[in-house]
C-alpha atoms as a PDB file:
ATOM      1  CA  MET A   1       0.122   0.021  -0.038  1.00  0.00           C
ATOM      2  CA  GLN A   2       1.175   3.529  -0.770  1.00  0.00           C
ATOM      3  CA  GLU A   3       2.607   5.464   2.111  1.00  0.00           C
ATOM      4  CA  GLY A   4       0.114   7.498   3.923  1.00  0.00           C
ATOM      5  CA  LEU A   5      -2.983   5.543   2.853  1.00  0.00           C
ATOM      6  CA  ARG A   6      -5.206   4.339   5.624  1.00  0.00           C
ATOM      7  CA  LEU A   7      -7.904   1.647   5.447  1.00  0.00           C
ATOM      8  CA  GLU A   8     -11.086   1.526   7.601  1.00  0.00           C
ATOM      9  CA  GLU A   9     -13.351  -1.351   7.801  1.00  0.00           C
ATOM     10  CA  LEU A  10     -16.825  -0.155   8.460  1.00  0.00           C
ATOM     11  CA  GLY A  11     -18.822  -3.209   8.061  1.00  0.00           C
ATOM     12  CA  GLU A  12     -22.549  -3.341   7.684  1.00  0.00           C
ATOM     13  CA  ILE A  13     -24.348  -0.125   8.610  1.00  0.00           C
ATOM     14  CA  PRO A  14     -27.762  -0.351  10.569  1.00  0.00           C
ATOM     15  CA  PHE A  15     -30.804   0.065   8.386  1.00  0.00           C
ATOM     16  CA  ASP A  16     -32.547   3.305   8.553  1.00  0.00           C
ATOM     17  CA  GLU A  17     -36.005   2.904   7.056  1.00  0.00           C
ATOM     18  CA  LYS A  18     -36.721   6.665   6.991  1.00  0.00           C
ATOM     19  CA  GLU A  19     -33.476   7.532   5.273  1.00  0.00           C
ATOM     20  CA  ILE A  20     -34.062   4.458   2.797  1.00  0.00           C
ATOM     21  CA  LEU A  21     -37.458   5.870   1.866  1.00  0.00           C
ATOM     22  CA  ARG A  22     -35.960   9.317   1.315  1.00  0.00           C
ATOM     23  CA  TYR A  23     -33.128   7.911  -1.080  1.00  0.00           C
ATOM     24  CA  ALA A  24     -35.958   6.116  -2.875  1.00  0.00           C
ATOM     25  CA  MET A  25     -37.427   9.413  -4.106  1.00  0.00           C
ATOM     26  CA  LEU A  26     -40.728   7.883  -4.410  1.00  0.00           C
ATOM     27  CA  PRO A  27     -43.084   9.294  -7.247  1.00  0.00           C
ATOM     28  CA  SER A  28     -46.447  10.684  -6.056  1.00  0.00           C
ATOM     29  CA  PHE A  29     -48.130   7.879  -7.795  1.00  0.00           C
ATOM     30  CA  ALA A  30     -46.300   5.115  -5.840  1.00  0.00           C
ATOM     31  CA  SER A  31     -47.883   2.957  -3.329  1.00  0.00           C
ATOM     32  CA  ALA A  32     -47.905   4.120   0.237  1.00  0.00           C
ATOM     33  CA  PRO A  33     -44.752   3.327   2.164  1.00  0.00           C
ATOM     34  CA  GLU A  34     -46.477   0.618   4.135  1.00  0.00           C
ATOM     35  CA  GLU A  35     -47.605  -1.186   0.957  1.00  0.00           C
ATOM     36  CA  LEU A  36     -44.104  -1.311  -0.458  1.00  0.00           C
ATOM     37  CA  PRO A  37     -42.171  -4.616  -0.117  1.00  0.00           C
ATOM     38  CA  LEU A  38     -39.580  -2.856   2.259  1.00  0.00           C
ATOM     39  CA  ARG A  39     -39.353  -5.663   4.701  1.00  0.00           C
ATOM     40  CA  GLU A  40     -38.782  -8.209   2.006  1.00  0.00           C
ATOM     41  CA  CYS A  41     -35.968  -6.208   0.680  1.00  0.00           C
ATOM     42  CA  LEU A  42     -34.363  -5.349   3.870  1.00  0.00           C
ATOM     43  CA  ALA A  43     -34.306  -9.142   4.549  1.00  0.00           C
ATOM     44  CA  ALA A  44     -32.715  -9.633   1.076  1.00  0.00           C
ATOM     45  CA  ALA A  45     -30.163  -6.958   1.653  1.00  0.00           C
ATOM     46  CA  LYS A  46     -29.078  -8.339   5.098  1.00  0.00           C
ATOM     47  CA  GLY A  47     -25.319  -8.856   5.205  1.00  0.00           C
ATOM     48  CA  ALA A  48     -24.724  -7.552   1.568  1.00  0.00           C
ATOM     49  CA  ALA A  49     -23.100  -4.307   2.310  1.00  0.00           C
ATOM     50  CA  GLN A  50     -19.695  -4.627   4.052  1.00  0.00           C
ATOM     51  CA  CYS A  51     -18.480  -1.022   3.894  1.00  0.00           C
ATOM     52  CA  ARG A  52     -14.835  -0.159   3.565  1.00  0.00           C
ATOM     53  CA  ALA A  53     -12.963   3.044   3.010  1.00  0.00           C
ATOM     54  CA  VAL A  54      -9.466   4.318   2.397  1.00  0.00           C
ATOM     55  CA  TRP A  55      -8.295   7.858   3.127  1.00  0.00           C
ATOM     56  CA  ARG A  56      -5.241  10.019   2.945  1.00  0.00           C
ATOM     57  CA  ARG A  57      -4.222  13.406   4.423  1.00  0.00           C
ATOM     58  CA  TYR A  58      -2.854  16.165   2.135  1.00  0.00           C
ATOM     59  CA  PRO A  59      -1.591  19.811   2.666  1.00  0.00           C
ATOM     60  CA  LEU A  60      -3.669  22.475   0.849  1.00  0.00           C
ATOM     61  CA  ALA A  61      -2.369  25.536  -0.771  1.00  0.00           C
ATOM     62  CA  ARG A  62      -3.009  28.059  -3.352  1.00  0.00           C
ATOM     63  CA  ASP A  63      -1.250  28.214  -6.636  1.00  0.00           C
ATOM     64  CA  GLY A  64      -2.489  31.520  -8.148  1.00  0.00           C
ATOM     65  CA  ALA A  65      -6.119  31.054  -9.103  1.00  0.00           C
ATOM     66  CA  LEU A  66      -5.892  27.523  -8.393  1.00  0.00           C
ATOM     67  CA  LEU A  67      -6.331  25.321  -5.413  1.00  0.00           C
ATOM     68  CA  ASP A  68      -3.530  22.809  -5.001  1.00  0.00           C
ATOM     69  CA  LEU A  69      -5.352  19.787  -3.181  1.00  0.00           C
ATOM     70  CA  GLY A  70      -1.938  17.830  -3.056  1.00  0.00           C
ATOM     71  CA  PHE A  71      -3.167  15.181  -5.480  1.00  0.00           C
ATOM     72  CA  ALA A  72      -4.640  17.590  -8.074  1.00  0.00           C
ATOM     73  CA  LYS A  73      -5.293  21.215  -8.760  1.00  0.00           C
ATOM     74  CA  THR A  74      -8.713  22.855  -9.358  1.00  0.00           C
ATOM     75  CA  ASP A  75     -10.238  26.342  -9.984  1.00  0.00           C
ATOM     76  CA  SER A  76     -13.651  25.308  -8.604  1.00  0.00           C
ATOM     77  CA  ARG A  77     -14.939  28.352  -6.994  1.00  0.00           C
ATOM     78  CA  ASP A  78     -17.357  26.236  -4.889  1.00  0.00           C
ATOM     79  CA  LEU A  79     -14.593  24.171  -3.548  1.00  0.00           C
ATOM     80  CA  ILE A  80     -12.360  27.053  -2.768  1.00  0.00           C
ATOM     81  CA  ARG A  81     -15.268  28.555  -0.635  1.00  0.00           C
ATOM     82  CA  HIS A  82     -15.843  25.400   1.074  1.00  0.00           C
ATOM     83  CA  LEU A  83     -12.223  24.955   2.080  1.00  0.00           C
ATOM     84  CA  GLU A  84     -11.776  28.574   3.161  1.00  0.00           C
ATOM     85  CA  GLY A  85      -9.503  28.693   6.256  1.00  0.00           C
ATOM     86  CA  CYS A  86      -8.257  25.104   5.746  1.00  0.00           C
ATOM     87  CA  ALA A  87      -4.649  24.239   5.682  1.00  0.00           C
ATOM     88  CA  GLU A  88      -5.285  20.479   4.998  1.00  0.00           C
ATOM     89  CA  ILE A  89      -7.595  18.075   3.415  1.00  0.00           C
ATOM     90  CA  LEU A  90      -8.761  14.588   4.071  1.00  0.00           C
ATOM     91  CA  LEU A  91      -9.532  12.741   0.765  1.00  0.00           C
ATOM     92  CA  PHE A  92     -11.455   9.503   0.952  1.00  0.00           C
ATOM     93  CA  ALA A  93     -13.412   6.795  -1.057  1.00  0.00           C
ATOM     94  CA  CYS A  94     -15.978   4.590   0.581  1.00  0.00           C
ATOM     95  CA  THR A  95     -17.988   1.702  -0.862  1.00  0.00           C
ATOM     96  CA  ALA A  96     -20.869  -0.681   0.048  1.00  0.00           C
ATOM     97  CA  GLY A  97     -19.033  -3.373  -1.918  1.00  0.00           C
ATOM     98  CA  ALA A  98     -19.872  -5.560  -5.053  1.00  0.00           C
ATOM     99  CA  GLU A  99     -22.368  -7.902  -3.242  1.00  0.00           C
ATOM    100  CA  THR A 100     -24.723  -4.929  -2.946  1.00  0.00           C
ATOM    101  CA  ASP A 101     -24.616  -4.305  -6.664  1.00  0.00           C
ATOM    102  CA  ARG A 102     -25.355  -8.075  -7.256  1.00  0.00           C
ATOM    103  CA  ARG A 103     -28.404  -8.145  -4.900  1.00  0.00           C
ATOM    104  CA  ILE A 104     -29.749  -4.817  -6.546  1.00  0.00           C
ATOM    105  CA  ALA A 105     -29.528  -6.516 -10.075  1.00  0.00           C
ATOM    106  CA  ARG A 106     -31.334  -9.581  -8.592  1.00  0.00           C
ATOM    107  CA  ALA A 107     -34.087  -7.399  -7.055  1.00  0.00           C
ATOM    108  CA  LYS A 108     -34.598  -5.312 -10.444  1.00  0.00           C
ATOM    109  CA  LEU A 109     -35.396  -8.729 -12.230  1.00  0.00           C
ATOM    110  CA  GLN A 110     -38.109  -9.435  -9.530  1.00  0.00           C
ATOM    111  CA  SER A 111     -39.959  -6.038  -9.733  1.00  0.00           C
ATOM    112  CA  PRO A 112     -39.333  -2.315 -10.379  1.00  0.00           C
ATOM    113  CA  ALA A 113     -40.480  -1.607  -6.855  1.00  0.00           C
ATOM    114  CA  LYS A 114     -37.962  -4.072  -5.465  1.00  0.00           C
ATOM    115  CA  GLY A 115     -35.333  -2.591  -7.537  1.00  0.00           C
ATOM    116  CA  LEU A 116     -35.784   0.921  -6.408  1.00  0.00           C
ATOM    117  CA  LEU A 117     -35.887  -0.014  -2.949  1.00  0.00           C
ATOM    118  CA  MET A 118     -32.760  -2.023  -3.133  1.00  0.00           C
ATOM    119  CA  HIS A 119     -31.079   0.851  -4.783  1.00  0.00           C
ATOM    120  CA  ALA A 120     -32.113   3.041  -1.820  1.00  0.00           C
ATOM    121  CA  ILE A 121     -30.966   0.636   0.655  1.00  0.00           C
ATOM    122  CA  GLY A 122     -27.533   0.461  -0.986  1.00  0.00           C
ATOM    123  CA  ALA A 123     -27.477   4.366  -0.922  1.00  0.00           C
ATOM    124  CA  GLN A 124     -28.343   4.435   2.642  1.00  0.00           C
ATOM    125  CA  GLN A 125     -25.624   1.909   3.456  1.00  0.00           C
ATOM    126  CA  VAL A 126     -22.757   3.761   1.658  1.00  0.00           C
ATOM    127  CA  GLU A 127     -23.918   7.137   2.902  1.00  0.00           C
ATOM    128  CA  GLY A 128     -24.031   5.716   6.522  1.00  0.00           C
ATOM    129  CA  GLY A 129     -20.501   4.421   5.966  1.00  0.00           C
ATOM    130  CA  CYS A 130     -19.424   7.857   4.932  1.00  0.00           C
ATOM    131  CA  ASP A 131     -21.083   9.242   8.225  1.00  0.00           C
ATOM    132  CA  LEU A 132     -19.279   6.628  10.217  1.00  0.00           C
ATOM    133  CA  LEU A 133     -15.834   7.262   8.657  1.00  0.00           C
ATOM    134  CA  CYS A 134     -16.403  11.117   9.281  1.00  0.00           C
ATOM    135  CA  ARG A 135     -16.941  10.498  13.011  1.00  0.00           C
ATOM    136  CA  ARG A 136     -13.893   8.261  13.109  1.00  0.00           C
ATOM    137  CA  LEU A 137     -11.819  10.977  11.453  1.00  0.00           C
ATOM    138  CA  ALA A 138     -13.160  13.643  13.745  1.00  0.00           C
ATOM    139  CA  GLU A 139     -11.935  11.480  16.695  1.00  0.00           C
ATOM    140  CA  GLN A 140      -8.626  10.979  15.151  1.00  0.00           C
ATOM    141  CA  PHE A 141      -8.148  14.604  14.721  1.00  0.00           C
ATOM    142  CA  PRO A 142      -9.656  16.202  17.801  1.00  0.00           C
ATOM    143  CA  ASP A 143      -7.613  19.608  17.600  1.00  0.00           C
ATOM    144  CA  ARG A 144      -9.061  20.063  14.076  1.00  0.00           C
ATOM    145  CA  GLN A 145     -12.325  21.344  12.808  1.00  0.00           C
ATOM    146  CA  LEU A 146     -13.447  19.214   9.955  1.00  0.00           C
ATOM    147  CA  THR A 147     -15.794  20.543   7.197  1.00  0.00           C
ATOM    148  CA  ASP A 148     -18.817  18.665   5.599  1.00  0.00           C
ATOM    149  CA  ARG A 149     -17.484  16.272   2.749  1.00  0.00           C
ATOM    150  CA  TYR A 150     -17.512  17.601  -0.771  1.00  0.00           C
ATOM    151  CA  SER A 151     -17.726  15.277  -3.725  1.00  0.00           C
ATOM    152  CA  PRO A 152     -16.469  15.709  -7.426  1.00  0.00           C
ATOM    153  CA  GLY A 153     -19.600  16.585  -9.510  1.00  0.00           C
ATOM    154  CA  TYR A 154     -21.072  18.862  -6.765  1.00  0.00           C
ATOM    155  CA  GLY A 155     -21.354  22.441  -7.727  1.00  0.00           C
ATOM    156  CA  ASP A 156     -18.549  23.358 -10.336  1.00  0.00           C
ATOM    157  CA  LEU A 157     -16.100  20.884  -9.032  1.00  0.00           C
ATOM    158  CA  PRO A 158     -15.689  18.681 -12.219  1.00  0.00           C
ATOM    159  CA  LEU A 159     -16.591  14.885 -12.133  1.00  0.00           C
ATOM    160  CA  GLU A 160     -13.248  14.485 -14.078  1.00  0.00           C
ATOM    161  CA  LEU A 161     -11.563  14.747 -10.852  1.00  0.00           C
ATOM    162  CA  GLN A 162     -12.476  11.371 -10.031  1.00  0.00           C
ATOM    163  CA  ARG A 163      -9.541  10.128 -12.148  1.00  0.00           C
ATOM    164  CA  TYR A 164      -7.045  11.752  -9.832  1.00  0.00           C
ATOM    165  CA  VAL A 165      -8.847  10.642  -6.792  1.00  0.00           C
ATOM    166  CA  MET A 166      -8.832   6.906  -8.013  1.00  0.00           C
ATOM    167  CA  GLU A 167      -5.027   7.162  -8.448  1.00  0.00           C
ATOM    168  CA  ALA A 168      -4.258   8.978  -5.342  1.00  0.00           C
ATOM    169  CA  LEU A 169      -6.161   6.536  -3.251  1.00  0.00           C
ATOM    170  CA  ASP A 170      -5.238   3.453  -5.380  1.00  0.00           C
ATOM    171  CA  CYS A 171      -8.929   2.578  -5.104  1.00  0.00           C
ATOM    172  CA  GLY A 172      -8.785  -0.489  -7.188  1.00  0.00           C
ATOM    173  CA  ARG A 173      -6.460  -2.210  -4.999  1.00  0.00           C
ATOM    174  CA  THR A 174      -7.317  -0.833  -1.693  1.00  0.00           C
ATOM    175  CA  VAL A 175     -11.137  -1.044  -1.721  1.00  0.00           C
ATOM    176  CA  GLY A 176     -12.022  -2.597  -5.032  1.00  0.00           C
ATOM    177  CA  VAL A 177     -13.466   0.550  -6.706  1.00  0.00           C
ATOM    178  CA  THR A 178     -12.865   1.146 -10.301  1.00  0.00           C
ATOM    179  CA  LEU A 179     -13.679   3.977 -12.740  1.00  0.00           C
ATOM    180  CA  SER A 180     -15.270   3.632 -16.231  1.00  0.00           C
ATOM    181  CA  GLU A 181     -14.442   5.801 -19.288  1.00  0.00           C
ATOM    182  CA  SER A 182     -17.653   7.552 -18.524  1.00  0.00           C
ATOM    183  CA  LEU A 183     -16.626   8.225 -14.961  1.00  0.00           C
ATOM    184  CA  LEU A 184     -19.014   5.734 -13.251  1.00  0.00           C
ATOM    185  CA  MET A 185     -17.672   3.863 -10.211  1.00  0.00           C
ATOM    186  CA  THR A 186     -17.872   0.290  -9.775  1.00  0.00           C
ATOM    187  CA  PRO A 187     -19.339  -1.007  -7.341  1.00  0.00           C
ATOM    188  CA  SER A 188     -22.014   1.693  -7.985  1.00  0.00           C
ATOM    189  CA  LYS A 189     -22.622   2.328  -4.302  1.00  0.00           C
ATOM    190  CA  SER A 190     -19.374   4.081  -3.873  1.00  0.00           C
ATOM    191  CA  VAL A 191     -18.611   7.680  -2.706  1.00  0.00           C
ATOM    192  CA  THR A 192     -15.376   9.864  -2.919  1.00  0.00           C
ATOM    193  CA  ALA A 193     -15.190  13.022  -1.108  1.00  0.00           C
ATOM    194  CA  ILE A 194     -12.824  15.867   0.159  1.00  0.00           C
ATOM    195  CA  ILE A 195     -12.934  17.150   3.818  1.00  0.00           C
ATOM    196  CA  GLY A 196     -11.374  20.264   4.795  1.00  0.00           C
ATOM    197  CA  MET A 197      -9.456  20.615   8.160  1.00  0.00           C
ATOM    198  CA  LYS A 198      -8.663  23.852  10.107  1.00  0.00           C
ATOM    199  CA  GLU A 199      -7.323  24.707  13.420  1.00  0.00           C
ATOM    200  CA  ARG A 200     -10.188  24.311  16.011  1.00  0.00           C
ATOM    201  CA  GLU A 201     -11.261  27.703  17.388  1.00  0.00           C
ATOM    202  CA  GLU A 202     -10.972  28.191  21.199  1.00  0.00           C
ATOM    203  CA  ALA A 203     -14.302  28.121  22.860  1.00  0.00           C
END
C-alpha cells in the first residue's frame, strides 16, 4: 500500500428505514410506504453491504487562481469557498461493496419496486458508511475542525477529478473501486469526497 494511505473497515451499517425511503425518492403515484415490499427487501439486503474506506491526508495550498489539493489542482470556486480557512484536506473513498450491486441486480429482475428499494438501501448503506468514517476521522483529529464532505460533481467541481482521486487512493487495489471511461464507479454504491481541516477555534 502507498505510504500515507489508511484503510477503514466499516462493516454493515444499521438500516434506517426513514433514510431509505428518502433515498428512494418515490413518485407521487407510488404505493404508500406501508404497501411497499420494504421488509422483504431489507431481509434480502441483510449482510450484503460490508462498507470499507480508504483515506489520505494532504496539505492544501493556493497556486495563483488554482487550489492545490496535493493530488490535483482545481479552479472550482465552490470548493475554494468550502475549504476557506483550511490548511489540509482528507481525501477518501468509501464503498458498500460488490455484493450490494449483485443484490440490486437480482431485485430489479423481480420487480421495479424491489429494484428501486434495493438501490435506496444501497445508498443508505454507503452514505451511512461515510457518516461513520467522518465520525472516526473527527475522533482521530480532535484538535481540528472538519468541514462537511464535498464530492467531485458537486457544484462546479468537475466529475473528471475522479480520475485523480482513484489514482491518489489506489482505489482499485485498496477498496476494489474502479472507474469507467464515462466516470461511473464500480461498485455503484461508492462515494469519494474531500473534507477540509482547520485549526479548532478556542471556545
